[in-house]
Protein backbone atom coordinates (compact mmCIF):
# COMPACT_ATOMS: atom_id res chain seq x y z
CA UNK A 1 8.69 18.14 27.16
CA UNK A 2 11.23 15.31 27.58
CA UNK A 3 14.22 17.76 26.74
CA UNK A 4 12.73 20.48 29.19
CA UNK A 5 12.45 17.85 32.03
CA UNK A 6 16.04 16.79 31.41
CA UNK A 7 17.22 20.28 31.69
CA UNK A 8 15.06 21.05 34.49
CA UNK A 9 16.51 18.11 36.40
CA UNK A 10 20.13 18.94 35.57
CA UNK A 11 19.38 22.49 36.91
CA UNK A 12 18.05 21.22 40.10
CA UNK A 13 21.33 18.96 40.56
CA UNK A 14 23.39 21.98 39.58
CA UNK A 15 21.73 24.04 42.22
CA UNK A 16 22.21 21.45 44.85
CA UNK A 17 25.83 21.35 44.26
CA UNK A 18 26.40 25.06 44.79
CA UNK A 19 26.44 25.02 48.68
CA UNK A 20 28.78 22.03 48.58
CA UNK A 21 31.27 23.75 46.50
CA UNK A 22 30.93 27.11 48.41
CA UNK A 23 31.30 25.20 51.58
CA UNK A 24 34.53 23.55 50.27
CA UNK A 25 36.03 26.78 48.96
CA UNK A 26 35.52 28.32 52.40
CA UNK A 27 37.09 25.26 54.23
CA UNK A 28 40.05 25.31 51.83
CA UNK A 29 40.74 29.02 52.51
CA UNK A 30 40.65 28.44 56.12
CA UNK A 31 43.00 25.41 55.82
CA UNK A 32 45.56 27.16 53.71
CA UNK A 33 45.42 30.11 56.03
CA UNK A 34 46.10 27.87 59.16
CA UNK A 35 42.82 29.09 60.78
CA UNK A 36 42.49 25.71 62.40
CA UNK A 37 39.96 26.94 65.06
CA UNK A 38 37.60 28.39 62.41
CA UNK A 39 38.05 25.36 60.31
CA UNK A 40 36.90 23.18 63.19
CA UNK A 41 33.97 25.24 63.90
CA UNK A 42 33.03 25.17 60.28
CA UNK A 43 33.38 21.44 59.77
CA UNK A 44 31.62 20.82 63.02
CA UNK A 45 28.54 22.87 61.73
CA UNK A 46 28.56 20.93 58.48
CA UNK A 47 25.38 18.61 58.35
CA UNK A 48 25.57 17.47 54.67
CA UNK A 49 26.85 14.32 52.94
CA UNK A 50 30.55 13.40 53.51
CA UNK A 51 31.91 14.04 50.22
CA UNK A 52 35.70 13.17 49.69
CA UNK A 53 36.35 16.97 50.17
CA UNK A 54 34.68 17.02 53.49
CA UNK A 55 36.31 13.69 54.67
CA UNK A 56 39.61 15.64 53.94
CA UNK A 57 38.92 18.56 56.20
CA UNK A 58 37.60 16.17 58.88
CA UNK A 59 40.83 14.44 58.67
CA UNK A 60 42.73 17.81 59.01
CA UNK A 61 40.57 18.78 62.09
CA UNK A 62 41.14 15.55 63.78
CA UNK A 63 44.74 15.74 63.20
CA UNK A 64 45.17 19.32 64.29
CA UNK A 65 43.17 18.73 67.41
CA UNK A 66 45.22 15.57 68.40
CA UNK A 67 43.10 12.70 67.29
CA UNK A 68 45.55 10.91 65.07
CA UNK A 69 43.60 7.70 64.90
CA UNK A 70 40.55 9.44 63.81
CA UNK A 71 42.41 11.46 61.19
CA UNK A 72 43.90 8.45 59.85
CA UNK A 73 40.34 6.86 59.18
CA UNK A 74 39.05 10.05 57.40
CA UNK A 75 42.18 10.32 55.26
CA UNK A 76 42.29 6.89 54.27
CA UNK A 77 38.62 7.23 53.23
CA UNK A 78 39.41 10.39 51.34
CA UNK A 79 42.37 8.84 49.36
CA UNK A 80 40.25 5.98 48.53
CA UNK A 81 37.32 8.02 47.08
CA UNK A 82 39.09 11.11 45.71
CA UNK A 83 40.14 11.13 42.15
CA UNK A 84 43.77 10.85 41.11
CA UNK A 85 43.74 14.56 40.28
CA UNK A 86 42.07 15.79 43.51
CA UNK A 87 43.61 19.04 44.74
CA UNK A 88 44.34 17.86 48.34
CA UNK A 89 46.00 14.50 47.80
CA UNK A 90 49.45 15.79 48.71
CA UNK A 91 48.29 17.33 51.91
CA UNK A 92 46.31 14.21 52.64
CA UNK A 93 49.24 12.05 52.47
CA UNK A 94 51.50 14.54 54.29
CA UNK A 95 49.02 14.84 57.12
CA UNK A 96 48.57 10.88 57.07
CA UNK A 97 52.29 10.66 57.58
CA UNK A 98 52.14 13.20 60.60
CA UNK A 99 49.22 10.92 62.13
CA UNK A 100 51.61 7.89 62.06
CA UNK A 101 54.40 9.80 63.70
CA UNK A 102 52.14 10.84 66.46
CA UNK A 103 51.16 7.16 66.82
CA UNK A 104 54.89 6.23 66.89
CA UNK A 105 54.28 4.12 63.49
CA UNK A 106 57.64 5.37 62.15
CA UNK A 107 57.75 2.81 59.39
CA UNK A 108 54.23 3.70 58.10
CA UNK A 109 55.31 7.30 58.18
CA UNK A 110 58.40 6.80 56.10
CA UNK A 111 56.41 4.66 53.51
CA UNK A 112 53.83 7.48 53.00
CA UNK A 113 56.89 9.94 52.44
CA UNK A 114 58.33 7.38 49.98
CA UNK A 115 55.04 7.37 48.06
CA UNK A 116 54.77 11.24 47.98
CA UNK A 117 58.26 11.37 46.55
CA UNK A 118 57.42 8.87 43.93
CA UNK A 119 53.82 9.42 42.95
CA UNK A 120 53.47 13.21 43.46
CA UNK A 121 57.08 14.28 42.53
CA UNK A 122 55.62 16.44 39.61
CA UNK A 123 53.64 18.50 42.10
CA UNK A 124 56.56 19.06 44.75
CA UNK A 125 58.73 22.14 44.28
CA UNK A 126 62.54 21.77 45.05
CA UNK A 127 62.19 22.72 48.69
CA UNK A 128 59.10 20.37 49.46
CA UNK A 129 61.13 17.50 47.69
CA UNK A 130 64.17 18.10 49.96
CA UNK A 131 62.01 18.32 52.94
CA UNK A 132 60.17 15.03 52.33
CA UNK A 133 63.44 13.27 51.59
CA UNK A 134 64.97 14.36 54.93
CA UNK A 135 61.75 13.55 56.92
CA UNK A 136 61.62 10.02 55.00
CA UNK A 137 65.37 9.60 55.96
CA UNK A 138 64.43 10.46 59.78
CA UNK A 139 61.39 7.94 60.12
CA UNK A 140 62.96 5.45 57.91
CA UNK A 141 65.95 5.19 60.22
CA UNK A 142 63.64 4.58 63.12
CA UNK A 143 61.63 1.90 61.21
CA UNK A 144 62.57 -0.90 63.52
CA UNK A 145 62.25 0.98 66.80
CA UNK A 146 59.44 -0.21 68.91
CA UNK A 147 56.62 2.27 69.51
CA UNK A 148 56.86 4.77 72.41
CA UNK A 149 54.64 3.97 75.37
CA UNK A 150 54.11 5.33 78.85
CA UNK A 151 53.11 4.00 82.31
CA UNK A 152 52.34 5.61 85.51
CA UNK A 153 53.26 4.49 88.82
CA UNK A 154 51.21 7.11 90.53
CA UNK A 155 51.03 10.93 90.47
CA UNK A 156 54.19 12.83 90.29
CA UNK A 157 55.36 16.01 91.72
CA UNK A 158 58.77 16.92 90.19
CA UNK A 159 60.72 19.89 91.51
CA UNK A 160 62.39 21.57 88.32
CA UNK A 161 65.14 24.11 88.36
CA UNK A 162 66.09 27.12 86.32
CA UNK A 163 69.48 27.10 84.73
CA UNK A 164 71.68 29.99 83.77
CA UNK A 165 69.63 30.59 80.71
CA UNK A 166 66.48 30.68 82.75
CA UNK A 167 65.35 27.36 81.17
CA UNK A 168 63.25 24.89 83.08
CA UNK A 169 65.34 21.75 83.67
CA UNK A 170 63.84 18.46 85.01
CA UNK A 171 65.56 15.45 86.54
CA UNK A 172 65.38 12.54 84.41
CA UNK A 173 67.06 8.93 84.92
CA UNK A 174 68.26 6.81 82.06
CA UNK A 175 70.19 3.52 82.72
CA UNK A 176 70.45 4.24 86.33
CA UNK A 177 72.05 7.62 85.68
CA UNK A 178 70.36 10.89 86.68
CA UNK A 179 70.73 14.11 84.77
CA UNK A 180 68.65 17.34 84.36
CA UNK A 181 67.32 18.02 80.83
CA UNK A 182 65.51 21.14 79.72
CA UNK A 183 61.69 21.00 79.59
CA UNK A 184 60.64 22.23 76.12
CA UNK A 185 57.22 22.02 74.28
CA UNK A 186 58.91 23.96 71.45
CA UNK A 187 61.20 21.11 70.71
CA UNK A 188 59.43 18.88 67.99
CA UNK A 189 61.68 15.86 68.89
CA UNK A 190 63.56 15.38 72.35
CA UNK A 191 67.22 16.06 71.67
CA UNK A 192 70.52 15.17 73.18
CA UNK A 193 74.16 15.83 72.61
CA UNK A 194 76.59 13.34 71.43
CA UNK A 195 78.58 13.39 74.56
CA UNK A 196 75.48 12.93 77.01
CA UNK A 197 74.19 9.95 74.50
CA UNK A 198 77.46 8.21 74.96
CA UNK A 199 77.67 9.00 78.82
CA UNK A 200 74.07 7.42 79.15
CA UNK A 201 74.82 4.59 76.93
CA UNK A 202 72.20 5.25 74.51
CA UNK A 203 71.91 3.24 71.24
CA UNK A 204 73.04 5.45 68.29
CA UNK A 205 71.18 5.03 64.86
CA UNK A 206 73.37 6.21 62.03
CA UNK A 207 71.46 8.81 60.07
CA UNK A 208 72.31 12.19 58.23
CA UNK A 209 69.16 14.03 59.12
CA UNK A 210 68.89 17.69 58.66
CA UNK A 211 67.07 19.59 61.41
CA UNK A 212 66.00 23.22 61.66
CA UNK A 213 66.61 25.85 64.42
CA UNK A 214 64.65 28.81 65.53
CA UNK A 215 66.52 30.91 62.82
CA UNK A 216 65.86 28.18 60.18
CA UNK A 217 69.54 27.23 60.05
CA UNK A 218 70.09 23.60 59.31
CA UNK A 219 72.15 21.29 61.63
CA UNK A 220 72.94 17.81 60.84
CA UNK A 221 71.82 14.94 63.25
CA UNK A 222 72.07 11.26 64.25
CA UNK A 223 69.36 9.54 66.07
CA UNK A 224 69.15 7.51 69.42
CA UNK A 225 66.58 5.76 71.49
CA UNK A 226 66.22 5.14 75.09
CA UNK A 227 64.69 1.77 76.08
CA UNK A 228 63.24 3.32 79.50
CA UNK A 229 63.44 6.82 80.81
CA UNK A 230 62.09 7.66 84.28
CA UNK A 231 60.63 11.06 85.14
CA UNK A 232 59.15 11.20 88.66
CA UNK A 233 56.75 8.23 88.60
CA UNK A 234 56.45 8.12 84.90
CA UNK A 235 58.17 5.55 82.78
CA UNK A 236 58.55 6.23 79.11
CA UNK A 237 59.78 3.42 76.94
CA UNK A 238 61.50 3.57 73.58
CA UNK A 239 61.83 7.38 73.42
CA UNK A 240 63.47 8.82 70.42
CA UNK A 241 66.12 11.55 70.40
CA UNK A 242 68.01 13.79 67.90
CA UNK A 243 71.70 13.67 68.60
CA UNK A 244 73.51 16.89 67.93
CA UNK A 245 77.21 17.62 68.36
CA UNK A 246 77.73 19.37 71.65
CA UNK A 247 78.62 22.83 69.97
CA UNK A 248 75.08 22.78 68.35
CA UNK A 249 73.62 23.16 71.84
CA UNK A 250 76.24 25.47 73.10
CA UNK A 251 75.87 29.14 73.56
CA UNK A 252 79.28 31.04 73.91
CA UNK A 253 77.63 34.12 74.64
CA UNK A 254 76.87 32.89 78.12
CA UNK A 255 79.13 30.01 78.35
CA UNK A 256 75.85 27.74 78.43
CA UNK A 257 75.72 24.18 77.39
CA UNK A 258 72.56 22.17 76.93
CA UNK A 259 72.88 18.41 77.53
CA UNK A 260 69.38 17.10 76.45
CA UNK A 261 65.89 18.43 75.83
CA UNK A 262 62.57 16.62 76.89
CA UNK A 263 60.62 17.54 73.68
CA UNK A 264 56.94 17.47 72.69
CA UNK A 265 56.67 13.92 71.96
CA UNK A 266 57.40 13.05 75.52
CA UNK A 267 55.43 15.75 77.21
CA UNK A 268 52.36 15.04 75.22
CA UNK A 269 52.46 11.44 76.15
CA UNK A 270 51.81 12.50 79.70
CA UNK A 271 48.33 13.44 78.82
CA UNK A 272 47.95 16.25 81.13
CA UNK A 273 50.75 18.19 82.80
CA UNK A 274 50.91 21.28 85.09
CA UNK A 275 53.74 23.54 85.81
CA UNK A 276 53.78 25.98 88.71
CA UNK A 277 55.44 29.31 89.28
CA UNK A 278 57.88 27.66 91.63
CA UNK A 279 59.10 25.28 88.96
CA UNK A 280 57.25 22.30 89.97
CA UNK A 281 55.84 19.80 87.28
CA UNK A 282 52.75 17.94 88.23
CA UNK A 283 51.74 14.92 86.25
CA UNK A 284 48.60 13.10 87.18
CA UNK A 285 48.52 9.18 86.79
CA UNK A 286 44.77 9.45 85.55
CA UNK A 287 43.34 12.18 83.78
CA UNK A 288 39.89 12.04 82.26
CA UNK A 289 39.03 13.74 79.07
CA UNK A 290 36.85 16.58 79.60
CA UNK A 291 34.35 17.99 77.28
CA UNK A 292 35.53 21.81 76.83
CA UNK A 293 36.20 24.25 73.95
CA UNK A 294 39.80 23.60 72.74
CA UNK A 295 42.30 26.70 72.84
CA UNK A 296 45.26 24.64 71.62
CA UNK A 297 45.81 22.61 68.53
CA UNK A 298 48.80 21.26 66.63
CA UNK A 299 50.74 21.97 63.54
CA UNK A 300 52.80 18.85 63.13
CA UNK A 301 54.74 18.61 66.44
CA UNK A 302 54.35 22.22 67.19
CA UNK A 303 51.59 23.22 70.00
CA UNK A 304 49.70 26.29 68.86
CA UNK A 305 47.33 28.34 71.19
CA UNK A 306 44.19 30.59 70.29
CA UNK A 307 44.59 33.95 71.80
CA UNK A 308 42.50 37.22 71.67
CA UNK A 309 43.96 40.83 71.07
CA UNK A 310 41.54 43.67 70.69
CA UNK A 311 38.61 41.34 70.31
CA UNK A 312 40.56 39.39 67.41
CA UNK A 313 41.38 35.79 67.60
CA UNK A 314 45.06 35.08 66.79
CA UNK A 315 46.99 31.84 66.50
CA UNK A 316 50.33 31.58 68.39
CA UNK A 317 53.04 28.99 68.62
CA UNK A 318 53.58 27.81 72.25
CA UNK A 319 57.00 27.30 73.63
CA UNK A 320 57.91 26.60 77.02
CA UNK A 321 61.54 26.76 76.30
CA UNK A 322 61.32 30.36 75.09
CA UNK A 323 62.32 32.90 77.96
CA UNK A 324 60.43 35.66 76.23
CA UNK A 325 57.53 35.91 73.72
CA UNK A 326 57.71 37.26 70.22
CA UNK A 327 55.26 38.86 68.16
CA UNK A 328 55.61 38.19 64.34
CA UNK A 329 55.05 40.11 61.20
CA UNK A 330 51.43 39.12 60.92
CA UNK A 331 50.68 40.59 64.38
CA UNK A 332 52.58 43.86 63.12
CA UNK A 333 50.56 43.96 60.08
CA UNK A 334 47.17 43.38 62.02
CA UNK A 335 47.94 46.66 64.18
CA UNK A 336 50.63 48.41 62.03
CA UNK A 337 49.54 51.96 62.62
CA UNK A 338 49.02 51.71 66.44
CA UNK A 339 52.36 49.97 66.83
CA UNK A 340 54.24 52.32 64.89
CA UNK A 341 52.51 55.26 66.83
CA UNK A 342 53.29 53.73 70.21
CA UNK A 343 56.66 52.32 69.91
CA UNK A 344 60.07 52.58 68.54
CA UNK A 345 62.46 50.20 66.71
CA UNK A 346 65.43 48.39 68.15
CA UNK A 347 67.81 45.62 67.09
CA UNK A 348 66.97 42.08 68.21
CA UNK A 349 69.09 38.73 68.25
CA UNK A 350 67.15 35.60 67.59
CA UNK A 351 68.83 32.18 67.38
CA UNK A 352 69.08 28.78 69.00
CA UNK A 353 70.97 25.67 67.50
CA UNK A 354 72.78 26.82 64.56
CA UNK A 355 73.66 30.40 65.68
CA UNK A 356 72.09 33.93 66.05
CA UNK A 357 70.72 36.41 63.67
CA UNK A 358 69.93 40.07 64.11
CA UNK A 359 66.65 41.69 63.08
CA UNK A 360 64.70 44.81 63.48
CA UNK A 361 61.77 44.80 66.06
CA UNK A 362 59.31 47.32 67.47
CA UNK A 363 59.21 47.55 71.37
CA UNK A 364 55.63 47.72 72.29
CA UNK A 365 54.79 48.48 75.85
CA UNK A 366 51.89 47.12 78.04
CA UNK A 367 50.38 44.71 75.41
CA UNK A 368 47.32 42.89 76.89
CA UNK A 369 46.71 39.45 75.60
CA UNK A 370 43.86 37.07 76.59
CA UNK A 371 44.29 33.23 76.64
CA UNK A 372 41.69 30.80 77.90
CA UNK A 373 39.70 33.60 79.56
CA UNK A 374 42.88 34.99 81.45
CA UNK A 375 44.41 38.23 80.37
CA UNK A 376 48.18 38.63 80.57
CA UNK A 377 50.06 41.96 80.14
CA UNK A 378 53.63 41.97 78.56
CA UNK A 379 55.42 45.07 79.78
CA UNK A 380 57.62 45.00 76.85
CA UNK A 381 56.64 43.00 73.76
CA UNK A 382 58.93 42.62 70.93
CA UNK A 383 57.10 43.02 67.52
CA UNK A 384 59.01 41.78 64.41
CA UNK A 385 58.61 43.45 60.99
CA UNK A 386 60.15 40.56 58.96
CA UNK A 387 60.00 36.78 58.89
CA UNK A 388 62.36 34.97 61.32
CA UNK A 389 61.53 31.26 60.80
CA UNK A 390 59.02 29.22 59.07
CA UNK A 391 56.26 29.88 61.65
CA UNK A 392 56.61 33.60 61.46
CA UNK A 393 55.12 33.70 57.91
CA UNK A 394 51.68 32.66 59.01
CA UNK A 395 51.50 32.78 62.95
CA UNK A 396 51.05 35.74 64.93
CA UNK A 397 53.90 34.91 67.29
CA UNK A 398 55.41 32.62 69.73
CA UNK A 399 54.41 32.60 73.55
CA UNK A 400 56.77 31.71 76.14
CA UNK A 401 57.92 31.93 79.74
CA UNK A 402 56.91 35.58 80.10
CA UNK A 403 53.16 34.51 79.68
CA UNK A 404 53.55 31.36 81.72
CA UNK A 405 55.10 33.22 84.84
CA UNK A 406 52.35 35.73 85.17
CA UNK A 407 50.04 33.03 86.63
CA UNK A 408 50.63 30.48 89.64
CA UNK A 409 49.89 27.52 87.43
CA UNK A 410 49.66 26.49 83.94
CA UNK A 411 48.04 23.09 82.65
CA UNK A 412 48.75 21.57 79.27
CA UNK A 413 45.71 19.18 78.68
CA UNK A 414 46.61 17.25 75.62
CA UNK A 415 43.35 15.31 75.55
CA UNK A 416 40.91 18.15 75.90
CA UNK A 417 43.51 20.45 73.93
CA UNK A 418 43.24 23.04 76.45
CA UNK A 419 45.91 25.42 77.92
CA UNK A 420 44.62 26.59 81.49
CA UNK A 421 45.96 29.30 83.55
CA UNK A 422 45.15 29.64 87.22
């Protein structure tokens, strides 16, 4: 009877664990497939005990939906409670480092990457090892730079202008010098050419950091920081820039030189920013966080947006610096038969810093896509059949200005994590 009771008790315990393991498996699939909106829904519905595994996924969700301080708390608890052979330890440390970059704690981010390279070297492949070494070098070089901060002297209405490449430029002021920089959410870090950095008197930080372009070609970069930048009534202190050779941001096909780029870390710090069809940038000095269903999240420093195509939710990168939207291989595979039936192939050039490459794409007419309850029509959508960069391996595409320009105004709310079209 005693043995029977013990076996019965063990059976109850085993049965009680089944839902937890099943839930963890489901969450892991969503995480690995980058289905962050579904992951958020599943984690929010979970009402059981916060096991180490659940703490990890809560940390992932907080990170992806721009709550880095909350993510740090969850991931630190996960790392403390998880066993030394836990499956997600490498991911947890990598996301923890990303949280530190989002809170401008560069030294802490570098320390985490150093730990990854030392403690988990046997779990990293060659590409990941090289990537971590490079990112460690980036943040370690910035270790002594004060944290970025922002203050508002009032609401700002800034008149931008389109350059010869149709990119939106905004006037900034550094060291009492005015210059137009490209306004680009797709730039993970703000960027400047070496000649412009010298002209503006920025402090150069020696580093040999390798950065990727839109074609995944690598370009070597130094670093710089500006003690203060003024954009309208906004003051940004201790902004960090990648410094590239002038030729890396020169496009000989159209004799076009980019001098600098206001990238995601600066744009996100505004909290809430609107872009109008007539190229105005509106930044509110005060913006309350609203409770609304997010349709935007982050993968590192890349904004992602949820859109609907034929009643199917898809995740796209979002890049205000891209003149046209691109639809990646995942989109092609999701509707392959119809795309082949309705369109023909053509050659397409893709590129950026580091050069251009030519690939094959389908030209699909009148593609309807719904974002935030608003439907946009792409008269001619370029659908690629092969990967073009890292994002194209798992996202459905990259949305750009040909989406934005269909509406009078677009608002990026980085507190509510929403893209709103009006």
